[in-house]
Amino acid sequence: MLITVDASSAQPLADQVAGSVRSAVADGLASPGDRLPSARTVAASLGINLHTVLRGYQQLRDEGLVELRRGRAAVITAMADQFRLRLTVAAEEFARTVRHVGASDEEAVAAVRQALLNLHE
């Protein structure tokens, strides 16, 4: 699994770590039972602090997407399937609304981007 961060982003690095894993789950690149790379490995490969990676992993644990095992590994939980399902249902509902109001695909994508930016403010 590829975990990436953008040092120039205003989003905290720990949030970016967690977001990378969420994206992998949503895209089907990570499934229940998959192990995440160790926090040390991620920190070393991205050139960020170990505790930053751990904070990202802890966010995922708090959301129920990852089970952390001390001294062992972080593992994607069965909740990942529910996350993927919830995301799909929300996306389909949004797509139906977009079509109902007659918005273009570009307008829909712009609206989602703006909503996501608003959440970070």
N, C-alpha and C. Protein backbone atom coordinates (compact mmCIF):
# COMPACT_ATOMS: atom_id res chain seq x y z
N MET A 1 0.84 -1.18 0.00
CA MET A 1 0.00 0.00 0.00
C MET A 1 0.88 1.23 0.00
N LEU A 2 0.51 2.17 -0.81
CA LEU A 2 1.27 3.40 -0.95
C LEU A 2 0.67 4.47 -0.04
N ILE A 3 1.44 4.95 0.91
CA ILE A 3 1.02 6.05 1.78
C ILE A 3 1.84 7.25 1.36
N THR A 4 1.13 8.35 1.06
CA THR A 4 1.82 9.55 0.59
C THR A 4 1.40 10.75 1.43
N VAL A 5 2.27 11.75 1.45
CA VAL A 5 1.96 13.03 2.08
C VAL A 5 2.48 14.14 1.19
N ASP A 6 1.90 15.32 1.36
CA ASP A 6 2.34 16.50 0.62
C ASP A 6 2.76 17.54 1.66
N ALA A 7 4.05 17.72 1.80
CA ALA A 7 4.58 18.64 2.81
C ALA A 7 4.11 20.07 2.61
N SER A 8 3.73 20.43 1.39
CA SER A 8 3.30 21.80 1.12
C SER A 8 1.80 22.02 1.42
N SER A 9 1.09 20.94 1.74
CA SER A 9 -0.34 21.04 2.02
C SER A 9 -0.57 21.63 3.41
N ALA A 10 -1.69 22.33 3.55
CA ALA A 10 -2.07 22.87 4.85
C ALA A 10 -2.63 21.78 5.76
N GLN A 11 -2.99 20.65 5.19
CA GLN A 11 -3.54 19.54 5.97
C GLN A 11 -2.42 18.91 6.79
N PRO A 12 -2.66 18.67 8.09
CA PRO A 12 -1.62 18.04 8.93
C PRO A 12 -1.16 16.70 8.35
N LEU A 13 0.11 16.41 8.53
CA LEU A 13 0.69 15.19 7.97
C LEU A 13 0.00 13.93 8.49
N ALA A 14 -0.34 13.90 9.78
CA ALA A 14 -1.02 12.73 10.33
C ALA A 14 -2.36 12.51 9.64
N ASP A 15 -3.07 13.59 9.35
CA ASP A 15 -4.35 13.48 8.63
C ASP A 15 -4.12 12.94 7.22
N GLN A 16 -3.02 13.35 6.61
CA GLN A 16 -2.70 12.87 5.26
C GLN A 16 -2.38 11.37 5.27
N VAL A 17 -1.66 10.93 6.30
CA VAL A 17 -1.36 9.50 6.43
C VAL A 17 -2.66 8.72 6.53
N ALA A 18 -3.54 9.15 7.42
CA ALA A 18 -4.83 8.48 7.60
C ALA A 18 -5.65 8.54 6.31
N GLY A 19 -5.62 9.68 5.65
CA GLY A 19 -6.36 9.84 4.40
C GLY A 19 -5.87 8.92 3.30
N SER A 20 -4.56 8.69 3.24
CA SER A 20 -4.01 7.77 2.24
C SER A 20 -4.55 6.36 2.44
N VAL A 21 -4.64 5.95 3.70
CA VAL A 21 -5.15 4.61 3.99
C VAL A 21 -6.65 4.55 3.68
N ARG A 22 -7.39 5.59 4.07
CA ARG A 22 -8.83 5.63 3.76
C ARG A 22 -9.05 5.53 2.25
N SER A 23 -8.25 6.27 1.49
CA SER A 23 -8.37 6.24 0.03
C SER A 23 -8.09 4.84 -0.52
N ALA A 24 -7.07 4.19 0.02
CA ALA A 24 -6.74 2.84 -0.43
C ALA A 24 -7.90 1.89 -0.15
N VAL A 25 -8.53 2.04 1.00
CA VAL A 25 -9.69 1.21 1.35
C VAL A 25 -10.84 1.52 0.40
N ALA A 26 -11.13 2.80 0.20
CA ALA A 26 -12.25 3.20 -0.66
C ALA A 26 -12.03 2.74 -2.09
N ASP A 27 -10.79 2.73 -2.56
CA ASP A 27 -10.48 2.35 -3.94
C ASP A 27 -10.32 0.84 -4.10
N GLY A 28 -10.45 0.10 -2.99
CA GLY A 28 -10.32 -1.35 -3.06
C GLY A 28 -8.87 -1.83 -3.12
N LEU A 29 -7.92 -0.94 -2.86
CA LEU A 29 -6.51 -1.32 -2.87
C LEU A 29 -6.08 -1.96 -1.56
N ALA A 30 -6.89 -1.77 -0.51
CA ALA A 30 -6.64 -2.37 0.79
C ALA A 30 -7.94 -3.00 1.26
N SER A 31 -7.83 -4.18 1.83
CA SER A 31 -9.01 -4.94 2.23
C SER A 31 -8.84 -5.44 3.66
N PRO A 32 -9.94 -5.84 4.29
CA PRO A 32 -9.84 -6.39 5.64
C PRO A 32 -8.79 -7.50 5.71
N GLY A 33 -7.97 -7.43 6.76
CA GLY A 33 -6.90 -8.41 6.95
C GLY A 33 -5.56 -7.95 6.42
N ASP A 34 -5.56 -6.96 5.54
CA ASP A 34 -4.28 -6.44 5.03
C ASP A 34 -3.53 -5.73 6.14
N ARG A 35 -2.22 -5.88 6.12
CA ARG A 35 -1.36 -5.22 7.11
C ARG A 35 -0.83 -3.91 6.53
N LEU A 36 -0.82 -2.89 7.34
CA LEU A 36 -0.20 -1.62 6.95
C LEU A 36 1.30 -1.74 7.19
N PRO A 37 2.07 -0.96 6.46
CA PRO A 37 3.52 -0.95 6.74
C PRO A 37 3.73 -0.44 8.16
N SER A 38 4.81 -0.85 8.77
CA SER A 38 5.09 -0.38 10.13
C SER A 38 5.23 1.14 10.12
N ALA A 39 4.89 1.74 11.25
CA ALA A 39 4.99 3.19 11.38
C ALA A 39 6.42 3.65 11.14
N ARG A 40 7.39 2.86 11.60
CA ARG A 40 8.81 3.20 11.38
C ARG A 40 9.16 3.21 9.90
N THR A 41 8.65 2.23 9.18
CA THR A 41 8.92 2.14 7.75
C THR A 41 8.33 3.33 7.01
N VAL A 42 7.08 3.66 7.35
CA VAL A 42 6.40 4.79 6.70
C VAL A 42 7.14 6.09 7.02
N ALA A 43 7.47 6.28 8.29
CA ALA A 43 8.17 7.51 8.70
C ALA A 43 9.49 7.65 7.96
N ALA A 44 10.24 6.56 7.88
CA ALA A 44 11.54 6.61 7.21
C ALA A 44 11.39 6.88 5.71
N SER A 45 10.41 6.23 5.09
CA SER A 45 10.28 6.40 3.64
C SER A 45 9.74 7.78 3.26
N LEU A 46 8.93 8.39 4.15
CA LEU A 46 8.37 9.71 3.86
C LEU A 46 9.19 10.85 4.46
N GLY A 47 10.15 10.50 5.32
CA GLY A 47 10.97 11.53 5.96
C GLY A 47 10.18 12.36 6.96
N ILE A 48 9.25 11.69 7.66
CA ILE A 48 8.47 12.40 8.69
C ILE A 48 8.65 11.70 10.03
N ASN A 49 8.18 12.34 11.08
CA ASN A 49 8.34 11.83 12.43
C ASN A 49 7.50 10.57 12.65
N LEU A 50 8.07 9.61 13.36
CA LEU A 50 7.37 8.38 13.69
C LEU A 50 6.04 8.65 14.39
N HIS A 51 6.03 9.62 15.31
CA HIS A 51 4.81 9.91 16.07
C HIS A 51 3.72 10.51 15.18
N THR A 52 4.12 11.16 14.12
CA THR A 52 3.14 11.69 13.15
C THR A 52 2.41 10.53 12.48
N VAL A 53 3.17 9.52 12.06
CA VAL A 53 2.56 8.34 11.44
C VAL A 53 1.67 7.64 12.46
N LEU A 54 2.14 7.50 13.68
CA LEU A 54 1.34 6.84 14.71
C LEU A 54 0.04 7.58 14.97
N ARG A 55 0.07 8.92 14.93
CA ARG A 55 -1.17 9.70 15.11
C ARG A 55 -2.15 9.40 13.97
N GLY A 56 -1.64 9.29 12.75
CA GLY A 56 -2.49 8.92 11.62
C GLY A 56 -3.09 7.54 11.80
N TYR A 57 -2.27 6.59 12.23
CA TYR A 57 -2.76 5.23 12.47
C TYR A 57 -3.78 5.22 13.62
N GLN A 58 -3.55 6.03 14.64
CA GLN A 58 -4.49 6.09 15.76
C GLN A 58 -5.84 6.67 15.33
N GLN A 59 -5.83 7.63 14.41
CA GLN A 59 -7.09 8.15 13.87
C GLN A 59 -7.88 7.01 13.23
N LEU A 60 -7.19 6.20 12.45
CA LEU A 60 -7.83 5.07 11.78
C LEU A 60 -8.34 4.05 12.80
N ARG A 61 -7.58 3.86 13.87
CA ARG A 61 -8.02 2.96 14.94
C ARG A 61 -9.29 3.51 15.59
N ASP A 62 -9.30 4.81 15.87
CA ASP A 62 -10.47 5.43 16.50
C ASP A 62 -11.71 5.34 15.62
N GLU A 63 -11.51 5.32 14.31
CA GLU A 63 -12.61 5.19 13.35
C GLU A 63 -13.04 3.73 13.16
N GLY A 64 -12.25 2.81 13.70
CA GLY A 64 -12.56 1.39 13.55
C GLY A 64 -12.06 0.77 12.26
N LEU A 65 -11.26 1.50 11.48
CA LEU A 65 -10.76 0.97 10.21
C LEU A 65 -9.51 0.12 10.38
N VAL A 66 -8.79 0.34 11.49
CA VAL A 66 -7.52 -0.36 11.70
C VAL A 66 -7.47 -0.87 13.13
N GLU A 67 -6.92 -2.05 13.28
CA GLU A 67 -6.64 -2.59 14.60
C GLU A 67 -5.14 -2.49 14.80
N LEU A 68 -4.74 -1.83 15.89
CA LEU A 68 -3.31 -1.69 16.19
C LEU A 68 -2.91 -2.76 17.18
N ARG A 69 -1.83 -3.45 16.87
CA ARG A 69 -1.31 -4.49 17.76
C ARG A 69 0.09 -4.09 18.17
N ARG A 70 0.25 -3.80 19.44
CA ARG A 70 1.53 -3.32 19.95
C ARG A 70 2.67 -4.27 19.57
N GLY A 71 3.70 -3.69 18.96
CA GLY A 71 4.87 -4.47 18.61
C GLY A 71 4.67 -5.37 17.41
N ARG A 72 3.46 -5.36 16.85
CA ARG A 72 3.21 -6.23 15.71
C ARG A 72 2.84 -5.37 14.51
N ALA A 73 1.60 -5.34 14.18
CA ALA A 73 1.24 -4.62 12.95
C ALA A 73 -0.10 -3.92 13.10
N ALA A 74 -0.34 -3.00 12.20
CA ALA A 74 -1.65 -2.39 12.06
C ALA A 74 -2.36 -3.16 10.95
N VAL A 75 -3.58 -3.60 11.22
CA VAL A 75 -4.31 -4.45 10.29
C VAL A 75 -5.65 -3.81 9.96
N ILE A 76 -6.01 -3.81 8.68
CA ILE A 76 -7.30 -3.29 8.23
C ILE A 76 -8.40 -4.20 8.80
N THR A 77 -9.41 -3.62 9.42
CA THR A 77 -10.49 -4.40 10.03
C THR A 77 -11.63 -4.64 9.04
N ALA A 78 -12.57 -5.44 9.48
CA ALA A 78 -13.76 -5.72 8.67
C ALA A 78 -14.58 -4.45 8.46
N MET A 79 -14.39 -3.46 9.30
CA MET A 79 -15.10 -2.18 9.16
C MET A 79 -14.79 -1.53 7.82
N ALA A 80 -13.68 -1.91 7.21
CA ALA A 80 -13.30 -1.35 5.91
C ALA A 80 -14.38 -1.61 4.87
N ASP A 81 -14.99 -2.78 4.90
CA ASP A 81 -16.06 -3.08 3.95
C ASP A 81 -17.26 -2.16 4.18
N GLN A 82 -17.57 -1.89 5.45
CA GLN A 82 -18.68 -0.99 5.76
C GLN A 82 -18.35 0.43 5.33
N PHE A 83 -17.10 0.85 5.52
CA PHE A 83 -16.66 2.17 5.09
C PHE A 83 -16.84 2.31 3.58
N ARG A 84 -16.38 1.30 2.84
CA ARG A 84 -16.49 1.32 1.38
C ARG A 84 -17.95 1.38 0.95
N LEU A 85 -18.81 0.61 1.63
CA LEU A 85 -20.23 0.59 1.31
C LEU A 85 -20.86 1.95 1.60
N ARG A 86 -20.56 2.55 2.76
CA ARG A 86 -21.11 3.86 3.11
C ARG A 86 -20.68 4.91 2.11
N LEU A 87 -19.42 4.86 1.70
CA LEU A 87 -18.90 5.82 0.73
C LEU A 87 -19.60 5.65 -0.62
N THR A 88 -19.80 4.43 -1.02
CA THR A 88 -20.48 4.16 -2.29
C THR A 88 -21.92 4.65 -2.26
N VAL A 89 -22.62 4.37 -1.17
CA VAL A 89 -24.01 4.81 -1.04
C VAL A 89 -24.10 6.34 -1.07
N ALA A 90 -23.20 7.00 -0.34
CA ALA A 90 -23.20 8.47 -0.31
C ALA A 90 -22.90 9.03 -1.70
N ALA A 91 -21.95 8.42 -2.40
CA ALA A 91 -21.59 8.89 -3.74
C ALA A 91 -22.75 8.70 -4.71
N GLU A 92 -23.43 7.57 -4.62
CA GLU A 92 -24.56 7.33 -5.50
C GLU A 92 -25.71 8.31 -5.22
N GLU A 93 -25.95 8.60 -3.95
CA GLU A 93 -26.99 9.56 -3.60
C GLU A 93 -26.63 10.95 -4.13
N PHE A 94 -25.37 11.33 -3.98
CA PHE A 94 -24.91 12.62 -4.49
C PHE A 94 -25.07 12.67 -6.01
N ALA A 95 -24.68 11.59 -6.68
CA ALA A 95 -24.78 11.54 -8.15
C ALA A 95 -26.24 11.69 -8.60
N ARG A 96 -27.17 11.04 -7.89
CA ARG A 96 -28.59 11.18 -8.23
C ARG A 96 -29.05 12.62 -8.05
N THR A 97 -28.59 13.26 -6.98
CA THR A 97 -28.95 14.66 -6.73
C THR A 97 -28.39 15.56 -7.83
N VAL A 98 -27.15 15.31 -8.23
CA VAL A 98 -26.52 16.08 -9.31
C VAL A 98 -27.36 15.98 -10.58
N ARG A 99 -27.76 14.77 -10.93
CA ARG A 99 -28.57 14.58 -12.14
C ARG A 99 -29.94 15.23 -11.99
N HIS A 100 -30.53 15.14 -10.80
CA HIS A 100 -31.87 15.70 -10.55
C HIS A 100 -31.88 17.22 -10.73
N VAL A 101 -30.83 17.88 -10.24
CA VAL A 101 -30.79 19.35 -10.33
C VAL A 101 -30.20 19.82 -11.67
N GLY A 102 -29.71 18.89 -12.47
CA GLY A 102 -29.21 19.25 -13.79
C GLY A 102 -27.80 19.82 -13.80
N ALA A 103 -27.03 19.57 -12.74
CA ALA A 103 -25.65 20.07 -12.69
C ALA A 103 -24.76 19.20 -13.58
N SER A 104 -23.71 19.81 -14.09
CA SER A 104 -22.75 19.07 -14.91
C SER A 104 -21.79 18.29 -14.00
N ASP A 105 -21.06 17.36 -14.59
CA ASP A 105 -20.06 16.62 -13.84
C ASP A 105 -19.02 17.57 -13.24
N GLU A 106 -18.62 18.55 -14.04
CA GLU A 106 -17.62 19.51 -13.57
C GLU A 106 -18.14 20.31 -12.38
N GLU A 107 -19.40 20.72 -12.43
CA GLU A 107 -19.99 21.46 -11.31
C GLU A 107 -20.07 20.58 -10.06
N ALA A 108 -20.39 19.30 -10.26
CA ALA A 108 -20.48 18.38 -9.13
C ALA A 108 -19.11 18.20 -8.47
N VAL A 109 -18.09 17.99 -9.28
CA VAL A 109 -16.74 17.80 -8.75
C VAL A 109 -16.28 19.08 -8.04
N ALA A 110 -16.56 20.22 -8.61
CA ALA A 110 -16.19 21.49 -7.98
C ALA A 110 -16.91 21.65 -6.64
N ALA A 111 -18.16 21.24 -6.56
CA ALA A 111 -18.91 21.34 -5.31
C ALA A 111 -18.30 20.44 -4.24
N VAL A 112 -17.90 19.24 -4.63
CA VAL A 112 -17.28 18.32 -3.67
C VAL A 112 -15.94 18.88 -3.20
N ARG A 113 -15.14 19.38 -4.13
CA ARG A 113 -13.85 19.96 -3.73
C ARG A 113 -14.04 21.12 -2.75
N GLN A 114 -15.02 21.98 -3.02
CA GLN A 114 -15.27 23.11 -2.13
C GLN A 114 -15.74 22.63 -0.77
N ALA A 115 -16.60 21.63 -0.74
CA ALA A 115 -17.08 21.09 0.54
C ALA A 115 -15.92 20.51 1.34
N LEU A 116 -15.02 19.81 0.67
CA LEU A 116 -13.87 19.24 1.37
C LEU A 116 -12.95 20.34 1.91
N LEU A 117 -12.75 21.38 1.11
CA LEU A 117 -11.93 22.50 1.58
C LEU A 117 -12.58 23.16 2.79
N ASN A 118 -13.89 23.30 2.77
CA ASN A 118 -14.60 23.94 3.88
C ASN A 118 -14.43 23.14 5.18
N LEU A 119 -14.32 21.83 5.06
CA LEU A 119 -14.14 20.99 6.25
C LEU A 119 -12.79 21.20 6.91
N HIS A 120 -11.81 21.62 6.14
CA HIS A 120 -10.46 21.82 6.68
C HIS A 120 -10.26 23.22 7.24
N GLU A 121 -11.26 24.06 7.09
CA GLU A 121 -11.11 25.44 7.60
C GLU A 121 -11.62 25.54 9.01
